Amino acid sequence: MSTEEIPNKNEKGNIRVYCGREYDITDPKFAGLSKNAIKKLLKDEMWEETRGDRTREKREKFKQRRKERKRLVEEGILEPLPKRSKSKHMTIGNVGVILDCAFSSLMIDKEIGSLRQQLGRSYSANVRAEKESMKMTLTSVDDVLIKEMDAKAPSWRNWKNVEISSESYIEKFDKESLVYLTADSENVVHELEEGKTYIVGAIVDKNRYKNLCKNKADEQGIKTARLPIGDYIRLSSRKVLAINHVLEIMVTWLDCRNWEEAFMKVIPERKLKDCELINQNESEDEEQHLPEKQESDGDAQ
């Protein structure tokens, strides 16, 4: 039994203690949650409360590393870093991507904040593509998301070559050209087709809503597919890909046309440490015994 699970003698009535922090089990935010889910929520809250301290510490370490490197360069111990060339004008290809932002009502404030960050990283990944960027559209953008973006990422108003709309993609695109990326689909994307627009569910939900995007696409008569992660990498357990990682994988594939290279380049090392590369000569029968499909925060794979 871990120390955090040992009953605390000071617990009285509805008051419990987790990692030195008292909480009331009758608090409405804990309604319907299991003991483990409550611990997870408390852990997330405690992590969020110390975010400012961690950020300041990281900035200070970065300043110290930069200062030390400058000293070593001046002493001739290290070579100066090559200057980065200015980015060329963005080349827009004929593959589109839609970030479906119709899920604000299903997320708590912290998740809306995470969504803001992932949208920003998705834009950055697309605009920095080595060969070609995708035509990007944000659909179903509501007041909740606009308020979050304006407050904490106001530069989003200046994003280049991105269409931001309050309308649904159903009202803006031909359904025949759409493919909704979802890990629950039985179809696999073998290549990103020119003329197609791929939808990524812009939701951060830690997999609370199973089949959410697939069910939505099925009801709308839109084709679904999943990225072929399971064809190249055998992950030891269920993993979550952030929305921006899905975008980065797509952009990287457009650059190199190699899924394995795209996955290995983009998927964070911490999620790959227990993985196993799959020999492409393995039979399809063996691949059918892979672990459960992985999902991303955006329900895409």
C-alpha atoms as a PDB file:
ATOM      1  CA  MET A   1       0.000   0.000   0.000  1.00  0.00           C
ATOM      2  CA  SER A   2       1.422   3.382  -0.975  1.00  0.00           C
ATOM      3  CA  THR A   3       1.750   6.120   1.623  1.00  0.00           C
ATOM      4  CA  GLU A   4      -0.904   8.230  -0.104  1.00  0.00           C
ATOM      5  CA  GLU A   5      -3.468   5.438   0.443  1.00  0.00           C
ATOM      6  CA  ILE A   6      -2.758   4.968   4.186  1.00  0.00           C
ATOM      7  CA  PRO A   7      -5.733   6.242   6.233  1.00  0.00           C
ATOM      8  CA  ASN A   8      -4.975   9.486   8.034  1.00  0.00           C
ATOM      9  CA  LYS A   9      -5.838   9.625  11.718  1.00  0.00           C
ATOM     10  CA  ASN A  10      -6.907  13.246  11.306  1.00  0.00           C
ATOM     11  CA  GLU A  11      -9.660  12.366   8.796  1.00  0.00           C
ATOM     12  CA  LYS A  12     -13.054  13.196  10.253  1.00  0.00           C
ATOM     13  CA  GLY A  13     -16.527  12.863   8.806  1.00  0.00           C
ATOM     14  CA  ASN A  14     -16.433  13.815   5.144  1.00  0.00           C
ATOM     15  CA  ILE A  15     -12.899  15.209   5.273  1.00  0.00           C
ATOM     16  CA  ARG A  16     -10.158  13.145   3.668  1.00  0.00           C
ATOM     17  CA  VAL A  17      -6.450  13.748   3.147  1.00  0.00           C
ATOM     18  CA  TYR A  18      -4.478  13.152  -0.040  1.00  0.00           C
ATOM     19  CA  CYS A  19      -0.749  13.918  -0.121  1.00  0.00           C
ATOM     20  CA  GLY A  20      -1.152  16.295   2.810  1.00  0.00           C
ATOM     21  CA  ARG A  21      -4.107  18.093   1.249  1.00  0.00           C
ATOM     22  CA  GLU A  22      -7.530  17.964   2.894  1.00  0.00           C
ATOM     23  CA  TYR A  23     -10.639  17.614   0.742  1.00  0.00           C
ATOM     24  CA  ASP A  24     -14.348  17.133   1.325  1.00  0.00           C
ATOM     25  CA  ILE A  25     -15.720  14.014  -0.372  1.00  0.00           C
ATOM     26  CA  THR A  26     -19.159  15.667  -0.563  1.00  0.00           C
ATOM     27  CA  ASP A  27     -17.824  18.414  -2.837  1.00  0.00           C
ATOM     28  CA  PRO A  28     -20.024  18.400  -5.992  1.00  0.00           C
ATOM     29  CA  LYS A  29     -16.961  18.172  -8.239  1.00  0.00           C
ATOM     30  CA  PHE A  30     -16.349  14.669  -6.880  1.00  0.00           C
ATOM     31  CA  ALA A  31     -19.901  13.487  -7.592  1.00  0.00           C
ATOM     32  CA  GLY A  32     -19.952  10.152  -9.376  1.00  0.00           C
ATOM     33  CA  LEU A  33     -16.167   9.777  -9.329  1.00  0.00           C
ATOM     34  CA  SER A  34     -14.392   6.678  -8.084  1.00  0.00           C
ATOM     35  CA  LYS A  35     -11.716   6.882  -5.408  1.00  0.00           C
ATOM     36  CA  ASN A  36      -8.974   6.661  -8.034  1.00  0.00           C
ATOM     37  CA  ALA A  37     -10.665   9.304 -10.183  1.00  0.00           C
ATOM     38  CA  ILE A  38     -10.838  11.666  -7.186  1.00  0.00           C
ATOM     39  CA  LYS A  39      -7.127  11.146  -6.541  1.00  0.00           C
ATOM     40  CA  LYS A  40      -6.379  11.839 -10.189  1.00  0.00           C
ATOM     41  CA  LEU A  41      -8.410  15.066 -10.075  1.00  0.00           C
ATOM     42  CA  LEU A  42      -6.673  16.214  -6.892  1.00  0.00           C
ATOM     43  CA  LYS A  43      -3.286  15.396  -8.374  1.00  0.00           C
ATOM     44  CA  ASP A  44      -4.108  17.446 -11.483  1.00  0.00           C
ATOM     45  CA  GLU A  45      -5.255  20.386  -9.351  1.00  0.00           C
ATOM     46  CA  MET A  46      -2.082  20.283  -7.255  1.00  0.00           C
ATOM     47  CA  TRP A  47       0.022  20.095 -10.426  1.00  0.00           C
ATOM     48  CA  GLU A  48      -1.795  23.090 -11.901  1.00  0.00           C
ATOM     49  CA  GLU A  49      -1.327  25.130  -8.714  1.00  0.00           C
ATOM     50  CA  THR A  50       2.453  24.752  -8.941  1.00  0.00           C
ATOM     51  CA  ARG A  51       2.624  25.482 -12.678  1.00  0.00           C
ATOM     52  CA  GLY A  52       3.861  29.044 -12.113  1.00  0.00           C
ATOM     53  CA  ASP A  53       6.766  27.904  -9.939  1.00  0.00           C
ATOM     54  CA  ARG A  54       7.773  25.252 -12.459  1.00  0.00           C
ATOM     55  CA  THR A  55       7.633  27.745 -15.327  1.00  0.00           C
ATOM     56  CA  ARG A  56       9.844  30.218 -13.481  1.00  0.00           C
ATOM     57  CA  GLU A  57      12.300  27.447 -12.638  1.00  0.00           C
ATOM     58  CA  LYS A  58      12.469  26.310 -16.286  1.00  0.00           C
ATOM     59  CA  ARG A  59      13.041  29.870 -17.477  1.00  0.00           C
ATOM     60  CA  GLU A  60      15.850  30.359 -14.982  1.00  0.00           C
ATOM     61  CA  LYS A  61      17.516  27.100 -16.021  1.00  0.00           C
ATOM     62  CA  PHE A  62      17.215  28.103 -19.672  1.00  0.00           C
ATOM     63  CA  LYS A  63      18.836  31.471 -18.964  1.00  0.00           C
ATOM     64  CA  GLN A  64      21.682  29.783 -17.105  1.00  0.00           C
ATOM     65  CA  ARG A  65      22.265  27.274 -19.925  1.00  0.00           C
ATOM     66  CA  ARG A  66      22.259  30.047 -22.521  1.00  0.00           C
ATOM     67  CA  LYS A  67      24.670  32.109 -20.440  1.00  0.00           C
ATOM     68  CA  GLU A  68      26.992  29.130 -19.982  1.00  0.00           C
ATOM     69  CA  ARG A  69      26.935  28.288 -23.686  1.00  0.00           C
ATOM     70  CA  LYS A  70      27.739  31.889 -24.579  1.00  0.00           C
ATOM     71  CA  ARG A  71      30.754  31.748 -22.267  1.00  0.00           C
ATOM     72  CA  LEU A  72      31.993  28.482 -23.814  1.00  0.00           C
ATOM     73  CA  VAL A  73      31.600  29.894 -27.330  1.00  0.00           C
ATOM     74  CA  GLU A  74      33.536  33.028 -26.379  1.00  0.00           C
ATOM     75  CA  GLU A  75      36.329  30.844 -24.966  1.00  0.00           C
ATOM     76  CA  GLY A  76      36.449  28.796 -28.173  1.00  0.00           C
ATOM     77  CA  ILE A  77      35.375  25.582 -26.467  1.00  0.00           C
ATOM     78  CA  LEU A  78      32.115  25.308 -28.425  1.00  0.00           C
ATOM     79  CA  GLU A  79      31.249  26.242 -31.971  1.00  0.00           C
ATOM     80  CA  PRO A  80      28.551  28.913 -32.308  1.00  0.00           C
ATOM     81  CA  LEU A  81      25.183  27.618 -33.415  1.00  0.00           C
ATOM     82  CA  PRO A  82      24.406  28.176 -37.104  1.00  0.00           C
ATOM     83  CA  LYS A  83      22.028  31.021 -37.735  1.00  0.00           C
ATOM     84  CA  ARG A  84      18.556  29.912 -38.684  1.00  0.00           C
ATOM     85  CA  SER A  85      17.548  30.907 -42.165  1.00  0.00           C
ATOM     86  CA  LYS A  86      14.404  32.924 -42.496  1.00  0.00           C
ATOM     87  CA  SER A  87      11.334  30.874 -43.258  1.00  0.00           C
ATOM     88  CA  LYS A  88      10.206  30.787 -46.829  1.00  0.00           C
ATOM     89  CA  HIS A  89       6.708  31.755 -47.733  1.00  0.00           C
ATOM     90  CA  MET A  90       4.252  29.106 -46.690  1.00  0.00           C
ATOM     91  CA  THR A  91       3.504  26.645 -49.501  1.00  0.00           C
ATOM     92  CA  ILE A  92      -0.066  25.380 -49.271  1.00  0.00           C
ATOM     93  CA  GLY A  93      -0.594  21.895 -50.667  1.00  0.00           C
ATOM     94  CA  ASN A  94      -3.796  20.231 -51.794  1.00  0.00           C
ATOM     95  CA  VAL A  95      -4.456  18.355 -48.561  1.00  0.00           C
ATOM     96  CA  GLY A  96      -6.712  20.047 -46.025  1.00  0.00           C
ATOM     97  CA  VAL A  97      -7.194  19.681 -42.290  1.00  0.00           C
ATOM     98  CA  ILE A  98     -10.140  20.749 -40.158  1.00  0.00           C
ATOM     99  CA  LEU A  99      -9.950  21.141 -36.397  1.00  0.00           C
ATOM    100  CA  ASP A 100     -13.496  20.431 -35.236  1.00  0.00           C
ATOM    101  CA  CYS A 101     -13.949  22.708 -32.205  1.00  0.00           C
ATOM    102  CA  ALA A 102     -17.547  21.714 -31.458  1.00  0.00           C
ATOM    103  CA  PHE A 103     -16.840  20.162 -28.057  1.00  0.00           C
ATOM    104  CA  SER A 104     -16.423  23.077 -25.632  1.00  0.00           C
ATOM    105  CA  SER A 105     -19.442  22.002 -23.596  1.00  0.00           C
ATOM    106  CA  LEU A 106     -17.805  18.622 -22.922  1.00  0.00           C
ATOM    107  CA  MET A 107     -14.611  20.051 -21.420  1.00  0.00           C
ATOM    108  CA  ILE A 108     -13.738  21.594 -18.077  1.00  0.00           C
ATOM    109  CA  ASP A 109     -11.817  24.886 -17.887  1.00  0.00           C
ATOM    110  CA  LYS A 110      -8.438  23.172 -17.558  1.00  0.00           C
ATOM    111  CA  GLU A 111      -9.115  21.141 -20.691  1.00  0.00           C
ATOM    112  CA  ILE A 112     -10.139  24.268 -22.602  1.00  0.00           C
ATOM    113  CA  GLY A 113      -6.767  25.711 -21.607  1.00  0.00           C
ATOM    114  CA  SER A 114      -4.993  22.602 -22.878  1.00  0.00           C
ATOM    115  CA  LEU A 115      -6.977  22.832 -26.109  1.00  0.00           C
ATOM    116  CA  ARG A 116      -5.767  26.418 -26.577  1.00  0.00           C
ATOM    117  CA  GLN A 117      -2.172  25.286 -26.262  1.00  0.00           C
ATOM    118  CA  GLN A 118      -2.637  22.369 -28.635  1.00  0.00           C
ATOM    119  CA  LEU A 119      -4.315  24.543 -31.250  1.00  0.00           C
ATOM    120  CA  GLY A 120      -1.366  26.929 -31.123  1.00  0.00           C
ATOM    121  CA  ARG A 121       1.124  24.090 -31.493  1.00  0.00           C
ATOM    122  CA  SER A 122      -0.914  22.629 -34.344  1.00  0.00           C
ATOM    123  CA  TYR A 123      -0.758  25.931 -36.203  1.00  0.00           C
ATOM    124  CA  SER A 124       2.990  26.202 -35.594  1.00  0.00           C
ATOM    125  CA  ALA A 125       3.598  22.659 -36.846  1.00  0.00           C
ATOM    126  CA  ASN A 126       1.629  23.335 -40.004  1.00  0.00           C
ATOM    127  CA  VAL A 127       3.176  26.704 -40.791  1.00  0.00           C
ATOM    128  CA  ARG A 128       6.708  25.335 -40.302  1.00  0.00           C
ATOM    129  CA  ALA A 129       6.273  22.421 -42.700  1.00  0.00           C
ATOM    130  CA  GLU A 130       9.453  21.784 -44.682  1.00  0.00           C
ATOM    131  CA  LYS A 131       7.735  21.146 -48.016  1.00  0.00           C
ATOM    132  CA  GLU A 132       4.048  21.955 -47.876  1.00  0.00           C
ATOM    133  CA  SER A 133       1.472  23.002 -45.316  1.00  0.00           C
ATOM    134  CA  MET A 134      -2.108  21.851 -45.170  1.00  0.00           C
ATOM    135  CA  LYS A 135      -5.070  24.116 -45.753  1.00  0.00           C
ATOM    136  CA  MET A 136      -6.210  24.590 -42.156  1.00  0.00           C
ATOM    137  CA  THR A 137      -9.721  25.436 -40.985  1.00  0.00           C
ATOM    138  CA  LEU A 138     -11.084  25.773 -37.454  1.00  0.00           C
ATOM    139  CA  THR A 139     -14.825  25.104 -37.415  1.00  0.00           C
ATOM    140  CA  SER A 140     -17.572  25.447 -34.785  1.00  0.00           C
ATOM    141  CA  VAL A 141     -15.479  27.984 -32.876  1.00  0.00           C
ATOM    142  CA  ASP A 142     -17.754  29.241 -30.093  1.00  0.00           C
ATOM    143  CA  ASP A 143     -17.615  32.069 -27.542  1.00  0.00           C
ATOM    144  CA  VAL A 144     -16.001  29.843 -24.900  1.00  0.00           C
ATOM    145  CA  LEU A 145     -13.002  29.080 -27.096  1.00  0.00           C
ATOM    146  CA  ILE A 146     -12.803  32.625 -28.467  1.00  0.00           C
ATOM    147  CA  LYS A 147     -12.667  34.023 -24.920  1.00  0.00           C
ATOM    148  CA  GLU A 148      -9.886  31.587 -23.972  1.00  0.00           C
ATOM    149  CA  MET A 149      -7.842  32.302 -27.089  1.00  0.00           C
ATOM    150  CA  ASP A 150      -8.263  36.077 -26.880  1.00  0.00           C
ATOM    151  CA  ALA A 151      -7.275  36.110 -23.204  1.00  0.00           C
ATOM    152  CA  LYS A 152      -4.207  33.866 -23.338  1.00  0.00           C
ATOM    153  CA  ALA A 153      -3.179  33.596 -27.001  1.00  0.00           C
ATOM    154  CA  PRO A 154      -4.324  36.851 -28.645  1.00  0.00           C
ATOM    155  CA  SER A 155      -1.908  36.409 -31.549  1.00  0.00           C
ATOM    156  CA  TRP A 156      -4.225  33.725 -32.918  1.00  0.00           C
ATOM    157  CA  ARG A 157      -6.094  36.552 -34.598  1.00  0.00           C
ATOM    158  CA  ASN A 158      -3.031  36.997 -36.824  1.00  0.00           C
ATOM    159  CA  TRP A 159      -2.648  33.370 -37.884  1.00  0.00           C
ATOM    160  CA  LYS A 160      -1.854  33.206 -41.595  1.00  0.00           C
ATOM    161  CA  ASN A 161      -3.663  30.988 -44.096  1.00  0.00           C
ATOM    162  CA  VAL A 162      -6.081  29.701 -41.467  1.00  0.00           C
ATOM    163  CA  GLU A 163      -9.842  30.049 -41.726  1.00  0.00           C
ATOM    164  CA  ILE A 164     -11.634  30.434 -38.400  1.00  0.00           C
ATOM    165  CA  SER A 165     -15.377  29.888 -38.520  1.00  0.00           C
ATOM    166  CA  SER A 166     -18.301  29.498 -36.150  1.00  0.00           C
ATOM    167  CA  GLU A 167     -19.977  27.297 -38.755  1.00  0.00           C
ATOM    168  CA  SER A 168     -19.790  23.513 -38.868  1.00  0.00           C
ATOM    169  CA  TYR A 169     -17.689  21.845 -41.545  1.00  0.00           C
ATOM    170  CA  ILE A 170     -20.926  20.316 -42.860  1.00  0.00           C
ATOM    171  CA  GLU A 171     -21.988  23.803 -43.942  1.00  0.00           C
ATOM    172  CA  LYS A 172     -18.646  24.620 -45.574  1.00  0.00           C
ATOM    173  CA  PHE A 173     -17.347  21.465 -47.265  1.00  0.00           C
ATOM    174  CA  ASP A 174     -18.492  18.767 -49.656  1.00  0.00           C
ATOM    175  CA  LYS A 175     -19.019  15.637 -47.528  1.00  0.00           C
ATOM    176  CA  GLU A 176     -17.441  13.453 -50.193  1.00  0.00           C
ATOM    177  CA  SER A 177     -14.107  15.213 -49.676  1.00  0.00           C
ATOM    178  CA  LEU A 178     -14.104  14.775 -45.889  1.00  0.00           C
ATOM    179  CA  VAL A 179     -12.490  12.052 -43.772  1.00  0.00           C
ATOM    180  CA  TYR A 180     -12.881  12.148 -39.983  1.00  0.00           C
ATOM    181  CA  LEU A 181      -9.779  10.799 -38.248  1.00  0.00           C
ATOM    182  CA  THR A 182     -10.736   8.667 -35.266  1.00  0.00           C
ATOM    183  CA  ALA A 183      -8.984   5.766 -33.567  1.00  0.00           C
ATOM    184  CA  ASP A 184     -12.307   3.912 -33.431  1.00  0.00           C
ATOM    185  CA  SER A 185     -12.555   3.594 -37.207  1.00  0.00           C
ATOM    186  CA  GLU A 186     -11.980   0.231 -38.878  1.00  0.00           C
ATOM    187  CA  ASN A 187     -10.505   2.003 -41.907  1.00  0.00           C
ATOM    188  CA  VAL A 188      -6.804   2.843 -42.062  1.00  0.00           C
ATOM    189  CA  VAL A 189      -5.215   5.839 -43.764  1.00  0.00           C
ATOM    190  CA  HIS A 190      -2.390   4.591 -45.978  1.00  0.00           C
ATOM    191  CA  GLU A 191      -1.681   8.002 -47.473  1.00  0.00           C
ATOM    192  CA  LEU A 192      -3.017  11.534 -47.208  1.00  0.00           C
ATOM    193  CA  GLU A 193      -4.847  12.025 -50.481  1.00  0.00           C
ATOM    194  CA  GLU A 194      -4.759  15.225 -52.458  1.00  0.00           C
ATOM    195  CA  GLY A 195      -8.173  16.830 -52.654  1.00  0.00           C
ATOM    196  CA  LYS A 196      -9.207  15.320 -49.316  1.00  0.00           C
ATOM    197  CA  THR A 197      -9.756  17.254 -46.100  1.00  0.00           C
ATOM    198  CA  TYR A 198      -9.097  15.407 -42.844  1.00  0.00           C
ATOM    199  CA  ILE A 199     -11.017  16.282 -39.693  1.00  0.00           C
ATOM    200  CA  VAL A 200      -9.409  16.085 -36.251  1.00  0.00           C
ATOM    201  CA  GLY A 201     -11.671  16.309 -33.217  1.00  0.00           C
ATOM    202  CA  ALA A 202     -10.410  19.269 -31.177  1.00  0.00           C
ATOM    203  CA  ILE A 203     -11.238  17.869 -27.759  1.00  0.00           C
ATOM    204  CA  VAL A 204      -9.102  17.235 -24.693  1.00  0.00           C
ATOM    205  CA  ASP A 205     -11.046  14.710 -22.651  1.00  0.00           C
ATOM    206  CA  LYS A 206      -8.598  12.009 -21.478  1.00  0.00           C
ATOM    207  CA  ASN A 207     -10.749   9.459 -23.321  1.00  0.00           C
ATOM    208  CA  ARG A 208     -13.911  10.030 -21.285  1.00  0.00           C
ATOM    209  CA  TYR A 209     -16.106  10.060 -24.376  1.00  0.00           C
ATOM    210  CA  LYS A 210     -15.657   6.798 -26.235  1.00  0.00           C
ATOM    211  CA  ASN A 211     -16.526   6.723 -29.953  1.00  0.00           C
ATOM    212  CA  LEU A 212     -17.492  10.402 -29.789  1.00  0.00           C
ATOM    213  CA  CYS A 213     -16.022  11.463 -33.120  1.00  0.00           C
ATOM    214  CA  LYS A 214     -16.807   8.229 -34.941  1.00  0.00           C
ATOM    215  CA  ASN A 215     -20.447   8.346 -33.899  1.00  0.00           C
ATOM    216  CA  LYS A 216     -20.664  11.977 -34.970  1.00  0.00           C
ATOM    217  CA  ALA A 217     -19.146  11.241 -38.374  1.00  0.00           C
ATOM    218  CA  ASP A 218     -21.360   8.185 -38.893  1.00  0.00           C
ATOM    219  CA  GLU A 219     -24.479  10.209 -38.130  1.00  0.00           C
ATOM    220  CA  GLN A 220     -23.362  12.855 -40.631  1.00  0.00           C
ATOM    221  CA  GLY A 221     -22.542  10.317 -43.319  1.00  0.00           C
ATOM    222  CA  ILE A 222     -18.833  11.195 -43.320  1.00  0.00           C
ATOM    223  CA  LYS A 223     -16.098   8.636 -43.951  1.00  0.00           C
ATOM    224  CA  THR A 224     -13.834   7.778 -41.029  1.00  0.00           C
ATOM    225  CA  ALA A 225     -10.283   6.461 -40.828  1.00  0.00           C
ATOM    226  CA  ARG A 226      -7.411   6.145 -38.386  1.00  0.00           C
ATOM    227  CA  LEU A 227      -3.707   6.764 -38.735  1.00  0.00           C
ATOM    228  CA  PRO A 228      -1.742   3.492 -39.109  1.00  0.00           C
ATOM    229  CA  ILE A 229       0.193   3.686 -35.844  1.00  0.00           C
ATOM    230  CA  GLY A 230      -0.586   0.058 -35.022  1.00  0.00           C
ATOM    231  CA  ASP A 231       0.944  -1.056 -38.318  1.00  0.00           C
ATOM    232  CA  TYR A 232       4.369   0.287 -37.350  1.00  0.00           C
ATOM    233  CA  ILE A 233       4.582   0.577 -33.577  1.00  0.00           C
ATOM    234  CA  ARG A 234       3.320  -1.834 -30.933  1.00  0.00           C
ATOM    235  CA  LEU A 235       2.686   0.223 -27.816  1.00  0.00           C
ATOM    236  CA  SER A 236       2.669  -1.549 -24.457  1.00  0.00           C
ATOM    237  CA  SER A 237      -0.474   0.167 -23.247  1.00  0.00           C
ATOM    238  CA  ARG A 238      -3.169   2.612 -24.260  1.00  0.00           C
ATOM    239  CA  LYS A 239      -1.554   5.929 -25.143  1.00  0.00           C
ATOM    240  CA  VAL A 240      -2.953   9.376 -25.789  1.00  0.00           C
ATOM    241  CA  LEU A 241      -1.786  11.590 -28.636  1.00  0.00           C
ATOM    242  CA  ALA A 242      -2.294  15.317 -28.342  1.00  0.00           C
ATOM    243  CA  ILE A 243      -4.108  17.107 -31.162  1.00  0.00           C
ATOM    244  CA  ASN A 244      -0.895  18.844 -32.197  1.00  0.00           C
ATOM    245  CA  HIS A 245       0.923  15.507 -32.395  1.00  0.00           C
ATOM    246  CA  VAL A 246      -1.681  14.284 -34.875  1.00  0.00           C
ATOM    247  CA  LEU A 247      -1.111  17.436 -36.965  1.00  0.00           C
ATOM    248  CA  GLU A 248       2.669  17.081 -36.701  1.00  0.00           C
ATOM    249  CA  ILE A 249       2.482  13.464 -37.861  1.00  0.00           C
ATOM    250  CA  MET A 250       0.395  14.489 -40.865  1.00  0.00           C
ATOM    251  CA  VAL A 251       2.727  17.360 -41.781  1.00  0.00           C
ATOM    252  CA  THR A 252       5.792  15.152 -41.341  1.00  0.00           C
ATOM    253  CA  TRP A 253       4.282  12.466 -43.566  1.00  0.00           C
ATOM    254  CA  LEU A 254       3.666  15.057 -46.269  1.00  0.00           C
ATOM    255  CA  ASP A 255       7.360  15.937 -46.027  1.00  0.00           C
ATOM    256  CA  CYS A 256       8.810  12.396 -46.053  1.00  0.00           C
ATOM    257  CA  ARG A 257       5.947  10.121 -47.255  1.00  0.00           C
ATOM    258  CA  ASN A 258       6.957   7.564 -44.620  1.00  0.00           C
ATOM    259  CA  TRP A 259       4.602   6.760 -41.731  1.00  0.00           C
ATOM    260  CA  GLU A 260       7.185   5.032 -39.556  1.00  0.00           C
ATOM    261  CA  GLU A 261       9.547   7.980 -39.843  1.00  0.00           C
ATOM    262  CA  ALA A 262       6.703  10.392 -39.073  1.00  0.00           C
ATOM    263  CA  PHE A 263       5.608   8.456 -35.972  1.00  0.00           C
ATOM    264  CA  MET A 264       9.128   8.046 -34.617  1.00  0.00           C
ATOM    265  CA  LYS A 265       9.929  11.712 -35.200  1.00  0.00           C
ATOM    266  CA  VAL A 266       6.780  13.118 -33.595  1.00  0.00           C
ATOM    267  CA  ILE A 267       5.542  10.766 -30.862  1.00  0.00           C
ATOM    268  CA  PRO A 268       7.168  11.859 -27.564  1.00  0.00           C
ATOM    269  CA  GLU A 269      10.021   9.678 -26.325  1.00  0.00           C
ATOM    270  CA  ARG A 270       8.241   9.007 -23.033  1.00  0.00           C
ATOM    271  CA  LYS A 271       5.463   7.287 -24.974  1.00  0.00           C
ATOM    272  CA  LEU A 272       7.885   5.284 -27.096  1.00  0.00           C
ATOM    273  CA  LYS A 273      10.138   3.985 -24.330  1.00  0.00           C
ATOM    274  CA  ASP A 274       8.138   0.773 -23.888  1.00  0.00           C
ATOM    275  CA  CYS A 275       7.093   0.363 -27.513  1.00  0.00           C
ATOM    276  CA  GLU A 276       8.162  -2.228 -30.052  1.00  0.00           C
ATOM    277  CA  LEU A 277       8.701  -1.561 -33.735  1.00  0.00           C
ATOM    278  CA  ILE A 278       6.709  -3.905 -35.933  1.00  0.00           C
ATOM    279  CA  ASN A 279       8.466  -5.678 -38.781  1.00  0.00           C
ATOM    280  CA  GLN A 280       6.487  -4.817 -41.893  1.00  0.00           C
ATOM    281  CA  ASN A 281       6.938  -8.417 -43.065  1.00  0.00           C
ATOM    282  CA  GLU A 282       4.765  -9.675 -40.223  1.00  0.00           C
ATOM    283  CA  SER A 283       1.508 -11.139 -41.383  1.00  0.00           C
ATOM    284  CA  GLU A 284      -1.765  -9.295 -41.174  1.00  0.00           C
ATOM    285  CA  ASP A 285      -3.045 -12.088 -38.929  1.00  0.00           C
ATOM    286  CA  GLU A 286      -0.410 -11.240 -36.342  1.00  0.00           C
ATOM    287  CA  GLU A 287      -1.239  -7.539 -36.543  1.00  0.00           C
ATOM    288  CA  GLN A 288      -4.832  -8.338 -35.649  1.00  0.00           C
ATOM    289  CA  HIS A 289      -3.602  -9.291 -32.171  1.00  0.00           C
ATOM    290  CA  LEU A 290      -2.288  -5.811 -31.445  1.00  0.00           C
ATOM    291  CA  PRO A 291      -3.405  -4.115 -28.197  1.00  0.00           C
ATOM    292  CA  GLU A 292      -6.484  -1.935 -28.219  1.00  0.00           C
ATOM    293  CA  LYS A 293      -6.304   0.989 -30.662  1.00  0.00           C
ATOM    294  CA  GLN A 294      -4.723   4.145 -29.342  1.00  0.00           C
ATOM    295  CA  GLU A 295      -6.664   7.383 -29.177  1.00  0.00           C
ATOM    296  CA  SER A 296      -5.595  10.978 -29.067  1.00  0.00           C
ATOM    297  CA  ASP A 297      -7.017  13.821 -27.045  1.00  0.00           C
ATOM    298  CA  GLY A 298      -8.681  14.735 -30.324  1.00  0.00           C
ATOM    299  CA  ASP A 299      -9.962  11.167 -30.793  1.00  0.00           C
ATOM    300  CA  ALA A 300      -7.721  10.817 -33.841  1.00  0.00           C
ATOM    301  CA  GLN A 301      -5.017   8.343 -34.659  1.00  0.00           C
END
